[in-house]
């Protein structure tokens, strides 16, 4: 991937946050630093960063994409009522059935949906 000043700005914004921002939130933050950046540039770079495995995408129940700069192995819990996203850093093992089928896992994404403590 070629270096881009805008891409570096976008990834720094995502990695500097813990709230799993949307593209609009990232765009607003980016405009504070680089007023001439376009929303299209943000979307293109988010897609590229996601495709390259530099960030994780999370789809909430309202179909909004959120982004996570922490690409370490972890899961997410998304509240179906308020949309809150919670990182879960409990280790999970690759199911034995996958390796028994002769398949090799190169990545995973685990998202749990339900109600957070505040919405229960």
Protein backbone atom coordinates (compact mmCIF):
# COMPACT_ATOMS: atom_id res chain seq x y z
CA UNK A 1 0.00 0.00 0.00
CA UNK A 2 1.41 3.38 -1.01
CA UNK A 3 1.90 6.05 1.65
CA UNK A 4 -0.79 8.70 1.88
CA UNK A 5 -0.92 11.64 4.30
CA UNK A 6 -4.72 11.35 4.50
CA UNK A 7 -4.57 7.59 5.13
CA UNK A 8 -2.06 8.12 7.92
CA UNK A 9 -4.34 10.75 9.46
CA UNK A 10 -7.36 8.43 9.27
CA UNK A 11 -5.61 5.43 10.81
CA UNK A 12 -4.15 7.59 13.59
CA UNK A 13 -7.65 8.86 14.40
CA UNK A 14 -9.06 5.33 14.55
CA UNK A 15 -6.17 3.90 16.58
CA UNK A 16 -6.39 6.87 18.96
CA UNK A 17 -10.01 6.15 19.87
CA UNK A 18 -11.70 3.44 21.91
CA UNK A 19 -15.30 4.20 20.92
CA UNK A 20 -15.44 2.37 17.56
CA UNK A 21 -16.23 5.47 15.45
CA UNK A 22 -18.34 5.63 12.30
CA UNK A 23 -17.05 7.12 9.04
CA UNK A 24 -18.86 10.39 9.84
CA UNK A 25 -17.17 10.59 13.24
CA UNK A 26 -13.77 9.93 11.65
CA UNK A 27 -14.50 12.53 8.96
CA UNK A 28 -15.37 15.15 11.60
CA UNK A 29 -12.15 14.46 13.50
CA UNK A 30 -10.09 14.49 10.30
CA UNK A 31 -11.57 17.86 9.23
CA UNK A 32 -10.36 19.42 12.48
CA UNK A 33 -6.79 18.55 11.44
CA UNK A 34 -7.10 18.63 7.63
CA UNK A 35 -10.02 20.92 6.67
CA UNK A 36 -9.78 20.06 2.95
CA UNK A 37 -10.21 16.29 3.34
CA UNK A 38 -13.33 14.99 1.62
CA UNK A 39 -15.82 12.43 2.88
CA UNK A 40 -15.09 10.35 -0.23
CA UNK A 41 -11.40 10.26 0.69
CA UNK A 42 -12.30 9.04 4.17
CA UNK A 43 -14.56 6.29 2.81
CA UNK A 44 -12.01 5.15 0.20
CA UNK A 45 -9.26 4.95 2.80
CA UNK A 46 -11.45 3.15 5.33
CA UNK A 47 -12.24 0.51 2.69
CA UNK A 48 -8.56 0.16 1.78
CA UNK A 49 -7.45 -0.06 5.42
CA UNK A 50 -10.15 -2.65 6.10
CA UNK A 51 -9.24 -4.71 3.02
CA UNK A 52 -5.57 -4.64 4.06
CA UNK A 53 -6.39 -5.79 7.62
CA UNK A 54 -5.18 -2.57 9.22
CA UNK A 55 -8.57 -1.95 10.88
CA UNK A 56 -11.65 -4.01 11.77
CA UNK A 57 -15.18 -3.19 10.61
CA UNK A 58 -18.21 -3.81 12.81
CA UNK A 59 -21.80 -3.62 11.63
CA UNK A 60 -24.36 -2.61 14.25
CA UNK A 61 -28.02 -3.61 14.25
CA UNK A 62 -28.93 -0.33 12.53
CA UNK A 63 -26.54 -1.33 9.70
CA UNK A 64 -23.99 1.40 10.46
CA UNK A 65 -20.35 0.45 10.01
CA UNK A 66 -18.03 1.20 12.92
CA UNK A 67 -14.26 0.89 12.85
CA UNK A 68 -11.79 -0.55 15.34
CA UNK A 69 -8.08 0.21 15.19
CA UNK A 70 -7.22 -2.56 17.64
CA UNK A 71 -6.57 -5.54 15.40
CA UNK A 72 -5.41 -7.79 18.23
CA UNK A 73 -7.41 -10.97 18.71
CA UNK A 74 -10.62 -10.04 20.49
CA UNK A 75 -14.39 -10.21 20.12
CA UNK A 76 -17.11 -7.58 20.33
CA UNK A 77 -20.50 -7.29 21.99
CA UNK A 78 -23.02 -4.95 20.38
CA UNK A 79 -26.12 -3.87 22.31
CA UNK A 80 -29.23 -4.26 20.17
CA UNK A 81 -30.97 -1.40 22.01
CA UNK A 82 -28.44 1.42 22.44
CA UNK A 83 -25.79 0.32 19.90
CA UNK A 84 -22.97 0.35 22.45
CA UNK A 85 -19.93 -1.66 21.34
CA UNK A 86 -17.87 -3.42 23.98
CA UNK A 87 -14.47 -5.06 23.39
CA UNK A 88 -14.15 -8.58 24.82
CA UNK A 89 -10.58 -9.68 25.41
CA UNK A 90 -11.25 -13.24 26.52
CA UNK A 91 -9.23 -15.83 24.64
CA UNK A 92 -11.17 -18.05 22.28
CA UNK A 93 -9.88 -21.19 20.64
CA UNK A 94 -10.40 -22.08 17.02
CA UNK A 95 -13.05 -24.81 16.99
CA UNK A 96 -11.53 -28.24 16.56
CA UNK A 97 -14.13 -29.05 13.88
CA UNK A 98 -12.47 -26.53 11.55
CA UNK A 99 -9.03 -28.10 11.78
CA UNK A 100 -10.58 -31.59 11.63
CA UNK A 101 -12.02 -30.64 8.22
CA UNK A 102 -8.51 -29.83 6.99
CA UNK A 103 -9.22 -26.09 6.88
CA UNK A 104 -6.69 -23.44 7.84
CA UNK A 105 -7.98 -20.31 9.54
CA UNK A 106 -6.30 -17.05 8.51
CA UNK A 107 -8.56 -14.71 10.46
CA UNK A 108 -11.73 -14.45 12.45
CA UNK A 109 -14.34 -11.94 13.53
CA UNK A 110 -16.67 -12.73 16.40
CA UNK A 111 -19.52 -10.38 17.27
CA UNK A 112 -22.11 -11.06 19.94
CA UNK A 113 -25.44 -9.24 19.90
CA UNK A 114 -27.74 -8.72 22.88
CA UNK A 115 -28.49 -6.16 25.58
CA UNK A 116 -25.89 -4.36 27.66
CA UNK A 117 -26.29 -4.01 31.43
CA UNK A 118 -27.80 -0.54 31.12
CA UNK A 119 -30.49 -1.70 28.66
CA UNK A 120 -31.51 -4.88 30.46
